[in-house]
Amino acid sequence: MSIQKKIEVFGDSLLKGVQMRIEIFGDSILKGVQLDTSKMRYHVDNNIDLQLIGSKHSLDITNHSRFGCTVTKGYDLIKKWLHGNTTPCNAMIMDFGGNDCDYIWKDISERPYDEHLPNTPIDIFVETYHKIIDLLKKHSVPVILTTLPPLEPQRFFDWFCKGLNKENVMKWLGTVNAIYRAQESYSRAIENIASETNTMLVDLRGAFLKHRYIEDYLCEDGTHPNTKGQKIITDALMEFADMVALRSDMGFDY
């Protein structure tokens, strides 16, 4: 089924007010994790208003997102969910990549001249995402992917390399902007996966980049959206739901 047809079918259900079941699998971004600066620790403070989106479009949304989840861990969770699930699922939203593109910074600080790979090398990331999409297709579950919200590299570096030999880390990195580029490459890979598999896509990254000062929407760690950033995610998800409903309502000729 083409992406246009998937949007049409999904939008038709939204338009008719049919109760739809949506499952979300992802990492701490959609889990709503923020950094508590007073205690300098992470906690769930989820202001992504899934209830608002659900009530407007008759969606029953269940969020399975987990802190630290990678695409490979997500694959295992989704297989387990499919095995135990008996209720039809109208769509699954997936948000992986933020942990996949990260590194073990302690190892880098101790051995800056060694080769260091991301938690999930990008070829395995792409391959695993394809496996998940293929699996869900076999179970007739429509897929919606999301791009990655951008990070602020200096904040990221300062937070995740706290207590480490930053000089050594910089020997390996070359520039803090390398952190941004590495994460961006995974977001672009998600765009390519969506295109290659005719999968619907919510461009969270694009929604953030519309704002001039990205740091205003991120926690002090430079990567987790703060409350204002979570509002951007809410708006992007709502805009996507509104868009597919509108396209169906206007009877677009695909």
C-alpha atoms as a PDB file:
ATOM      1  CA  MET A   1       0.000   0.000   0.000  1.00  0.00           C
ATOM      2  CA  SER A   2       1.375   3.429  -0.932  1.00  0.00           C
ATOM      3  CA  ILE A   3       2.021   6.115   1.685  1.00  0.00           C
ATOM      4  CA  GLN A   4      -0.771   8.202   0.156  1.00  0.00           C
ATOM      5  CA  LYS A   5      -3.225   5.334   0.503  1.00  0.00           C
ATOM      6  CA  LYS A   6      -2.141   4.691   4.096  1.00  0.00           C
ATOM      7  CA  ILE A   7      -2.785   8.341   4.965  1.00  0.00           C
ATOM      8  CA  GLU A   8      -6.165   8.146   3.250  1.00  0.00           C
ATOM      9  CA  VAL A   9      -7.224   5.014   5.166  1.00  0.00           C
ATOM     10  CA  PHE A  10      -5.894   6.318   8.486  1.00  0.00           C
ATOM     11  CA  GLY A  11      -7.470   9.721   7.927  1.00  0.00           C
ATOM     12  CA  ASP A  12     -10.826   8.242   6.996  1.00  0.00           C
ATOM     13  CA  SER A  13     -10.990   6.493  10.367  1.00  0.00           C
ATOM     14  CA  LEU A  14     -10.049   9.714  12.171  1.00  0.00           C
ATOM     15  CA  LEU A  15     -12.681  11.667  10.254  1.00  0.00           C
ATOM     16  CA  LYS A  16     -15.441   9.209  11.063  1.00  0.00           C
ATOM     17  CA  GLY A  17     -14.629   9.341  14.758  1.00  0.00           C
ATOM     18  CA  VAL A  18     -13.982   5.605  14.854  1.00  0.00           C
ATOM     19  CA  GLN A  19     -12.253   4.627  18.104  1.00  0.00           C
ATOM     20  CA  MET A  20      -8.703   3.734  17.119  1.00  0.00           C
ATOM     21  CA  ARG A  21      -6.034   2.034  19.169  1.00  0.00           C
ATOM     22  CA  ILE A  22      -2.551   3.531  18.907  1.00  0.00           C
ATOM     23  CA  GLU A  23       0.551   1.982  20.479  1.00  0.00           C
ATOM     24  CA  ILE A  24       3.731   3.999  21.045  1.00  0.00           C
ATOM     25  CA  PHE A  25       7.155   2.385  21.351  1.00  0.00           C
ATOM     26  CA  GLY A  26      10.184   4.575  21.842  1.00  0.00           C
ATOM     27  CA  ASP A  27      12.775   5.923  24.232  1.00  0.00           C
ATOM     28  CA  SER A  28      12.876   8.627  26.904  1.00  0.00           C
ATOM     29  CA  ILE A  29      11.838  11.394  24.479  1.00  0.00           C
ATOM     30  CA  LEU A  30       8.238  10.151  24.128  1.00  0.00           C
ATOM     31  CA  LYS A  31       8.377   8.744  27.664  1.00  0.00           C
ATOM     32  CA  GLY A  32       8.534  12.380  28.739  1.00  0.00           C
ATOM     33  CA  VAL A  33      11.789  12.190  30.695  1.00  0.00           C
ATOM     34  CA  GLN A  34      13.295  15.499  31.776  1.00  0.00           C
ATOM     35  CA  LEU A  35      16.385  16.477  33.748  1.00  0.00           C
ATOM     36  CA  ASP A  36      15.634  17.801  37.226  1.00  0.00           C
ATOM     37  CA  THR A  37      18.346  20.449  37.562  1.00  0.00           C
ATOM     38  CA  SER A  38      17.789  20.888  41.319  1.00  0.00           C
ATOM     39  CA  LYS A  39      18.661  17.218  41.931  1.00  0.00           C
ATOM     40  CA  MET A  40      20.684  16.714  38.732  1.00  0.00           C
ATOM     41  CA  ARG A  41      18.856  13.516  37.941  1.00  0.00           C
ATOM     42  CA  TYR A  42      16.309  12.318  35.408  1.00  0.00           C
ATOM     43  CA  HIS A  43      12.633  11.903  36.154  1.00  0.00           C
ATOM     44  CA  VAL A  44       9.401  11.510  34.192  1.00  0.00           C
ATOM     45  CA  ASP A  45       7.684  14.858  33.691  1.00  0.00           C
ATOM     46  CA  ASN A  46       5.624  14.130  30.620  1.00  0.00           C
ATOM     47  CA  ASN A  47       3.767  17.115  29.234  1.00  0.00           C
ATOM     48  CA  ILE A  48       3.268  15.557  25.801  1.00  0.00           C
ATOM     49  CA  ASP A  49      -0.512  15.794  25.759  1.00  0.00           C
ATOM     50  CA  LEU A  50      -1.490  12.450  24.282  1.00  0.00           C
ATOM     51  CA  GLN A  51      -4.841  12.722  26.065  1.00  0.00           C
ATOM     52  CA  LEU A  52      -5.677  15.913  24.159  1.00  0.00           C
ATOM     53  CA  ILE A  53      -4.778  14.292  20.836  1.00  0.00           C
ATOM     54  CA  GLY A  54      -6.698  11.157  21.757  1.00  0.00           C
ATOM     55  CA  SER A  55      -9.852  12.976  22.788  1.00  0.00           C
ATOM     56  CA  LYS A  56      -9.920  15.122  19.627  1.00  0.00           C
ATOM     57  CA  HIS A  57      -9.497  12.193  17.258  1.00  0.00           C
ATOM     58  CA  SER A  58     -11.061   9.304  19.220  1.00  0.00           C
ATOM     59  CA  LEU A  59      -7.702   7.613  19.819  1.00  0.00           C
ATOM     60  CA  ASP A  60      -6.951   5.137  22.577  1.00  0.00           C
ATOM     61  CA  ILE A  61      -3.207   5.723  22.994  1.00  0.00           C
ATOM     62  CA  THR A  62      -0.907   3.473  25.040  1.00  0.00           C
ATOM     63  CA  ASN A  63       2.670   4.618  25.578  1.00  0.00           C
ATOM     64  CA  HIS A  64       5.223   1.804  25.988  1.00  0.00           C
ATOM     65  CA  SER A  65       8.285   4.080  25.684  1.00  0.00           C
ATOM     66  CA  ARG A  66      11.222   3.330  27.973  1.00  0.00           C
ATOM     67  CA  PHE A  67      14.203   5.257  29.228  1.00  0.00           C
ATOM     68  CA  GLY A  68      17.378   4.123  27.445  1.00  0.00           C
ATOM     69  CA  CYS A  69      15.568   2.077  24.825  1.00  0.00           C
ATOM     70  CA  THR A  70      17.366   1.372  21.543  1.00  0.00           C
ATOM     71  CA  VAL A  71      15.900   0.014  18.315  1.00  0.00           C
ATOM     72  CA  THR A  72      17.210  -3.480  19.110  1.00  0.00           C
ATOM     73  CA  LYS A  73      15.608  -3.443  22.557  1.00  0.00           C
ATOM     74  CA  GLY A  74      12.483  -2.031  20.946  1.00  0.00           C
ATOM     75  CA  TYR A  75      12.434  -4.912  18.472  1.00  0.00           C
ATOM     76  CA  ASP A  76      12.377  -7.400  21.357  1.00  0.00           C
ATOM     77  CA  LEU A  77       9.649  -5.443  23.175  1.00  0.00           C
ATOM     78  CA  ILE A  78       7.488  -5.245  20.057  1.00  0.00           C
ATOM     79  CA  LYS A  79       7.858  -8.977  19.352  1.00  0.00           C
ATOM     80  CA  LYS A  80       6.809  -9.688  22.934  1.00  0.00           C
ATOM     81  CA  TRP A  81       3.873  -7.280  22.622  1.00  0.00           C
ATOM     82  CA  LEU A  82       2.712  -8.895  19.372  1.00  0.00           C
ATOM     83  CA  HIS A  83       2.883 -12.345  20.963  1.00  0.00           C
ATOM     84  CA  GLY A  84       0.670 -11.325  23.871  1.00  0.00           C
ATOM     85  CA  ASN A  85      -1.633  -8.871  22.069  1.00  0.00           C
ATOM     86  CA  THR A  86      -5.189  -9.884  21.203  1.00  0.00           C
ATOM     87  CA  THR A  87      -6.775  -6.498  20.491  1.00  0.00           C
ATOM     88  CA  PRO A  88      -6.477  -5.006  16.971  1.00  0.00           C
ATOM     89  CA  CYS A  89      -3.986  -2.148  16.690  1.00  0.00           C
ATOM     90  CA  ASN A  90      -4.773   0.625  14.223  1.00  0.00           C
ATOM     91  CA  ALA A  91      -1.263   2.105  14.175  1.00  0.00           C
ATOM     92  CA  MET A  92       2.080   2.001  15.964  1.00  0.00           C
ATOM     93  CA  ILE A  93       4.228   5.104  16.471  1.00  0.00           C
ATOM     94  CA  MET A  94       7.959   4.432  16.871  1.00  0.00           C
ATOM     95  CA  ASP A  95      10.660   6.811  18.082  1.00  0.00           C
ATOM     96  CA  PHE A  96      14.110   5.208  18.254  1.00  0.00           C
ATOM     97  CA  GLY A  97      17.571   6.529  17.529  1.00  0.00           C
ATOM     98  CA  GLY A  98      18.547   8.858  20.356  1.00  0.00           C
ATOM     99  CA  ASN A  99      20.207   6.113  22.387  1.00  0.00           C
ATOM    100  CA  ASP A 100      21.327   4.193  19.324  1.00  0.00           C
ATOM    101  CA  CYS A 101      23.552   7.031  18.097  1.00  0.00           C
ATOM    102  CA  ASP A 102      25.095   7.647  21.519  1.00  0.00           C
ATOM    103  CA  TYR A 103      28.516   6.445  22.658  1.00  0.00           C
ATOM    104  CA  ILE A 104      30.081   5.152  25.861  1.00  0.00           C
ATOM    105  CA  TRP A 105      31.861   8.384  26.678  1.00  0.00           C
ATOM    106  CA  LYS A 106      33.818   6.915  29.584  1.00  0.00           C
ATOM    107  CA  ASP A 107      35.526   4.490  27.205  1.00  0.00           C
ATOM    108  CA  ILE A 108      36.320   7.332  24.812  1.00  0.00           C
ATOM    109  CA  SER A 109      37.812   9.463  27.585  1.00  0.00           C
ATOM    110  CA  GLU A 110      40.045   6.576  28.671  1.00  0.00           C
ATOM    111  CA  ARG A 111      41.084   5.452  25.168  1.00  0.00           C
ATOM    112  CA  PRO A 112      40.768   8.427  22.791  1.00  0.00           C
ATOM    113  CA  TYR A 113      42.891   6.867  20.045  1.00  0.00           C
ATOM    114  CA  ASP A 114      40.848   3.660  19.827  1.00  0.00           C
ATOM    115  CA  GLU A 115      37.932   3.073  17.489  1.00  0.00           C
ATOM    116  CA  HIS A 116      34.584   3.595  19.205  1.00  0.00           C
ATOM    117  CA  LEU A 117      31.240   2.625  17.722  1.00  0.00           C
ATOM    118  CA  PRO A 118      27.773   3.974  18.596  1.00  0.00           C
ATOM    119  CA  ASN A 119      25.534   1.880  20.837  1.00  0.00           C
ATOM    120  CA  THR A 120      23.850   0.689  17.645  1.00  0.00           C
ATOM    121  CA  PRO A 121      25.981   1.166  14.509  1.00  0.00           C
ATOM    122  CA  ILE A 122      23.895   2.864  11.838  1.00  0.00           C
ATOM    123  CA  ASP A 123      23.830  -0.146   9.483  1.00  0.00           C
ATOM    124  CA  ILE A 124      22.392  -2.318  12.264  1.00  0.00           C
ATOM    125  CA  PHE A 125      20.012   0.501  13.212  1.00  0.00           C
ATOM    126  CA  VAL A 126      18.617   0.656   9.667  1.00  0.00           C
ATOM    127  CA  GLU A 127      18.480  -3.124   9.314  1.00  0.00           C
ATOM    128  CA  THR A 128      16.630  -3.557  12.611  1.00  0.00           C
ATOM    129  CA  TYR A 129      14.125  -0.819  11.846  1.00  0.00           C
ATOM    130  CA  HIS A 130      13.378  -2.567   8.546  1.00  0.00           C
ATOM    131  CA  LYS A 131      12.872  -5.855  10.408  1.00  0.00           C
ATOM    132  CA  ILE A 132      10.388  -4.227  12.792  1.00  0.00           C
ATOM    133  CA  ILE A 133       8.428  -2.642   9.949  1.00  0.00           C
ATOM    134  CA  ASP A 134       8.355  -5.928   8.012  1.00  0.00           C
ATOM    135  CA  LEU A 135       7.154  -7.745  11.122  1.00  0.00           C
ATOM    136  CA  LEU A 136       4.386  -5.234  11.759  1.00  0.00           C
ATOM    137  CA  LYS A 137       3.303  -5.399   8.116  1.00  0.00           C
ATOM    138  CA  LYS A 138       2.852  -9.168   8.514  1.00  0.00           C
ATOM    139  CA  HIS A 139       0.543  -8.428  11.431  1.00  0.00           C
ATOM    140  CA  SER A 140      -1.293  -5.709   9.460  1.00  0.00           C
ATOM    141  CA  VAL A 141      -0.188  -2.979  11.862  1.00  0.00           C
ATOM    142  CA  PRO A 142       0.338   0.425  10.148  1.00  0.00           C
ATOM    143  CA  VAL A 143       3.554   2.139  11.177  1.00  0.00           C
ATOM    144  CA  ILE A 144       4.261   5.817  11.928  1.00  0.00           C
ATOM    145  CA  LEU A 145       7.910   6.824  12.419  1.00  0.00           C
ATOM    146  CA  THR A 146       9.236  10.017  13.979  1.00  0.00           C
ATOM    147  CA  THR A 147      12.449  11.883  13.269  1.00  0.00           C
ATOM    148  CA  LEU A 148      14.746  12.829  16.151  1.00  0.00           C
ATOM    149  CA  PRO A 149      14.465  16.199  17.901  1.00  0.00           C
ATOM    150  CA  PRO A 150      17.801  18.015  17.479  1.00  0.00           C
ATOM    151  CA  LEU A 151      20.284  18.193  20.344  1.00  0.00           C
ATOM    152  CA  GLU A 152      22.443  21.084  21.531  1.00  0.00           C
ATOM    153  CA  PRO A 153      26.007  19.705  21.275  1.00  0.00           C
ATOM    154  CA  GLN A 154      27.813  21.885  23.846  1.00  0.00           C
ATOM    155  CA  ARG A 155      25.261  21.175  26.558  1.00  0.00           C
ATOM    156  CA  PHE A 156      25.335  17.493  25.613  1.00  0.00           C
ATOM    157  CA  PHE A 157      29.132  17.409  25.847  1.00  0.00           C
ATOM    158  CA  ASP A 158      29.239  19.228  29.181  1.00  0.00           C
ATOM    159  CA  TRP A 159      26.627  16.949  30.749  1.00  0.00           C
ATOM    160  CA  PHE A 160      27.614  13.514  29.487  1.00  0.00           C
ATOM    161  CA  CYS A 161      31.354  14.120  29.859  1.00  0.00           C
ATOM    162  CA  LYS A 162      31.052  15.496  33.367  1.00  0.00           C
ATOM    163  CA  GLY A 163      33.773  13.928  35.519  1.00  0.00           C
ATOM    164  CA  LEU A 164      35.561  12.516  32.467  1.00  0.00           C
ATOM    165  CA  ASN A 165      38.757  13.581  30.757  1.00  0.00           C
ATOM    166  CA  LYS A 166      37.214  16.118  28.385  1.00  0.00           C
ATOM    167  CA  GLU A 167      40.518  16.836  26.715  1.00  0.00           C
ATOM    168  CA  ASN A 168      40.778  13.194  25.683  1.00  0.00           C
ATOM    169  CA  VAL A 169      37.176  13.164  24.488  1.00  0.00           C
ATOM    170  CA  MET A 170      37.908  16.194  22.332  1.00  0.00           C
ATOM    171  CA  LYS A 171      40.945  14.418  20.859  1.00  0.00           C
ATOM    172  CA  TRP A 172      38.560  11.757  19.616  1.00  0.00           C
ATOM    173  CA  LEU A 173      35.676  14.081  18.651  1.00  0.00           C
ATOM    174  CA  GLY A 174      37.616  16.863  16.991  1.00  0.00           C
ATOM    175  CA  THR A 175      34.724  19.272  17.550  1.00  0.00           C
ATOM    176  CA  VAL A 176      31.566  19.197  19.686  1.00  0.00           C
ATOM    177  CA  ASN A 177      29.531  19.710  16.510  1.00  0.00           C
ATOM    178  CA  ALA A 178      30.469  16.132  15.582  1.00  0.00           C
ATOM    179  CA  ILE A 179      27.922  15.090  18.227  1.00  0.00           C
ATOM    180  CA  TYR A 180      25.183  16.984  16.388  1.00  0.00           C
ATOM    181  CA  ARG A 181      26.169  15.551  13.005  1.00  0.00           C
ATOM    182  CA  ALA A 182      26.231  11.989  14.303  1.00  0.00           C
ATOM    183  CA  GLN A 183      22.740  12.305  15.759  1.00  0.00           C
ATOM    184  CA  GLU A 184      21.494  14.046  12.629  1.00  0.00           C
ATOM    185  CA  SER A 185      22.679  11.125  10.483  1.00  0.00           C
ATOM    186  CA  TYR A 186      20.369   8.770  12.387  1.00  0.00           C
ATOM    187  CA  SER A 187      17.427  11.121  11.941  1.00  0.00           C
ATOM    188  CA  ARG A 188      18.121  11.251   8.209  1.00  0.00           C
ATOM    189  CA  ALA A 189      18.328   7.464   8.171  1.00  0.00           C
ATOM    190  CA  ILE A 190      14.803   7.378   9.646  1.00  0.00           C
ATOM    191  CA  GLU A 191      13.583   9.637   6.841  1.00  0.00           C
ATOM    192  CA  ASN A 192      15.126   7.255   4.308  1.00  0.00           C
ATOM    193  CA  ILE A 193      13.583   4.228   6.000  1.00  0.00           C
ATOM    194  CA  ALA A 194      10.153   5.870   5.871  1.00  0.00           C
ATOM    195  CA  SER A 195      10.607   6.627   2.168  1.00  0.00           C
ATOM    196  CA  GLU A 196      11.888   3.157   1.306  1.00  0.00           C
ATOM    197  CA  THR A 197       9.084   1.373   3.163  1.00  0.00           C
ATOM    198  CA  ASN A 198       6.203   3.740   2.314  1.00  0.00           C
ATOM    199  CA  THR A 199       5.807   4.477   5.999  1.00  0.00           C
ATOM    200  CA  MET A 200       4.081   7.518   7.497  1.00  0.00           C
ATOM    201  CA  LEU A 201       6.429   9.998   9.184  1.00  0.00           C
ATOM    202  CA  VAL A 202       6.052  12.702  11.825  1.00  0.00           C
ATOM    203  CA  ASP A 203       8.895  15.195  11.448  1.00  0.00           C
ATOM    204  CA  LEU A 204       9.657  16.125  15.055  1.00  0.00           C
ATOM    205  CA  ARG A 205      13.086  17.404  14.069  1.00  0.00           C
ATOM    206  CA  GLY A 206      11.623  19.824  11.557  1.00  0.00           C
ATOM    207  CA  ALA A 207       9.142  21.063  14.163  1.00  0.00           C
ATOM    208  CA  PHE A 208      11.981  21.945  16.555  1.00  0.00           C
ATOM    209  CA  LEU A 209      14.156  23.511  13.873  1.00  0.00           C
ATOM    210  CA  LYS A 210      11.424  26.033  13.103  1.00  0.00           C
ATOM    211  CA  HIS A 211      12.456  27.716  16.354  1.00  0.00           C
ATOM    212  CA  ARG A 212      15.525  29.943  16.384  1.00  0.00           C
ATOM    213  CA  TYR A 213      16.972  29.056  19.776  1.00  0.00           C
ATOM    214  CA  ILE A 214      16.789  25.267  20.129  1.00  0.00           C
ATOM    215  CA  GLU A 215      18.406  25.383  23.577  1.00  0.00           C
ATOM    216  CA  ASP A 216      15.274  27.086  24.934  1.00  0.00           C
ATOM    217  CA  TYR A 217      13.369  23.859  24.328  1.00  0.00           C
ATOM    218  CA  LEU A 218      15.893  21.383  25.750  1.00  0.00           C
ATOM    219  CA  CYS A 219      16.969  20.420  29.257  1.00  0.00           C
ATOM    220  CA  GLU A 220      20.455  21.194  30.552  1.00  0.00           C
ATOM    221  CA  ASP A 221      21.727  17.896  29.130  1.00  0.00           C
ATOM    222  CA  GLY A 222      21.143  19.271  25.641  1.00  0.00           C
ATOM    223  CA  THR A 223      19.071  16.335  24.446  1.00  0.00           C
ATOM    224  CA  HIS A 224      15.841  15.783  26.412  1.00  0.00           C
ATOM    225  CA  PRO A 225      13.042  18.239  25.545  1.00  0.00           C
ATOM    226  CA  ASN A 226      11.910  20.367  28.471  1.00  0.00           C
ATOM    227  CA  THR A 227       8.267  21.253  29.046  1.00  0.00           C
ATOM    228  CA  LYS A 228       8.330  23.818  26.223  1.00  0.00           C
ATOM    229  CA  GLY A 229       9.969  21.246  23.959  1.00  0.00           C
ATOM    230  CA  GLN A 230       7.353  18.648  24.842  1.00  0.00           C
ATOM    231  CA  LYS A 231       4.733  21.178  23.742  1.00  0.00           C
ATOM    232  CA  ILE A 232       6.418  21.178  20.314  1.00  0.00           C
ATOM    233  CA  ILE A 233       6.057  17.383  20.208  1.00  0.00           C
ATOM    234  CA  THR A 234       2.378  17.632  21.164  1.00  0.00           C
ATOM    235  CA  ASP A 235       1.774  20.169  18.412  1.00  0.00           C
ATOM    236  CA  ALA A 236       3.629  18.070  15.824  1.00  0.00           C
ATOM    237  CA  LEU A 237       1.650  14.933  16.658  1.00  0.00           C
ATOM    238  CA  MET A 238      -1.605  16.886  16.661  1.00  0.00           C
ATOM    239  CA  GLU A 239      -0.729  18.530  13.345  1.00  0.00           C
ATOM    240  CA  PHE A 240      -0.054  15.109  11.852  1.00  0.00           C
ATOM    241  CA  ALA A 241      -3.402  13.740  13.065  1.00  0.00           C
ATOM    242  CA  ASP A 242      -5.203  16.864  11.824  1.00  0.00           C
ATOM    243  CA  MET A 243      -3.450  16.589   8.461  1.00  0.00           C
ATOM    244  CA  VAL A 244      -4.448  13.009   7.738  1.00  0.00           C
ATOM    245  CA  ALA A 245      -8.023  13.708   8.821  1.00  0.00           C
ATOM    246  CA  LEU A 246      -8.178  16.826   6.624  1.00  0.00           C
ATOM    247  CA  ARG A 247      -6.823  15.022   3.570  1.00  0.00           C
ATOM    248  CA  SER A 248      -9.502  12.408   3.905  1.00  0.00           C
ATOM    249  CA  ASP A 249     -12.193  15.051   4.434  1.00  0.00           C
ATOM    250  CA  MET A 250     -11.181  16.978   1.306  1.00  0.00           C
ATOM    251  CA  GLY A 251     -11.155  13.821  -0.787  1.00  0.00           C
ATOM    252  CA  PHE A 252      -7.637  14.208  -2.157  1.00  0.00           C
ATOM    253  CA  ASP A 253      -7.130  12.373  -5.420  1.00  0.00           C
ATOM    254  CA  TYR A 254      -4.079  10.171  -4.930  1.00  0.00           C
END
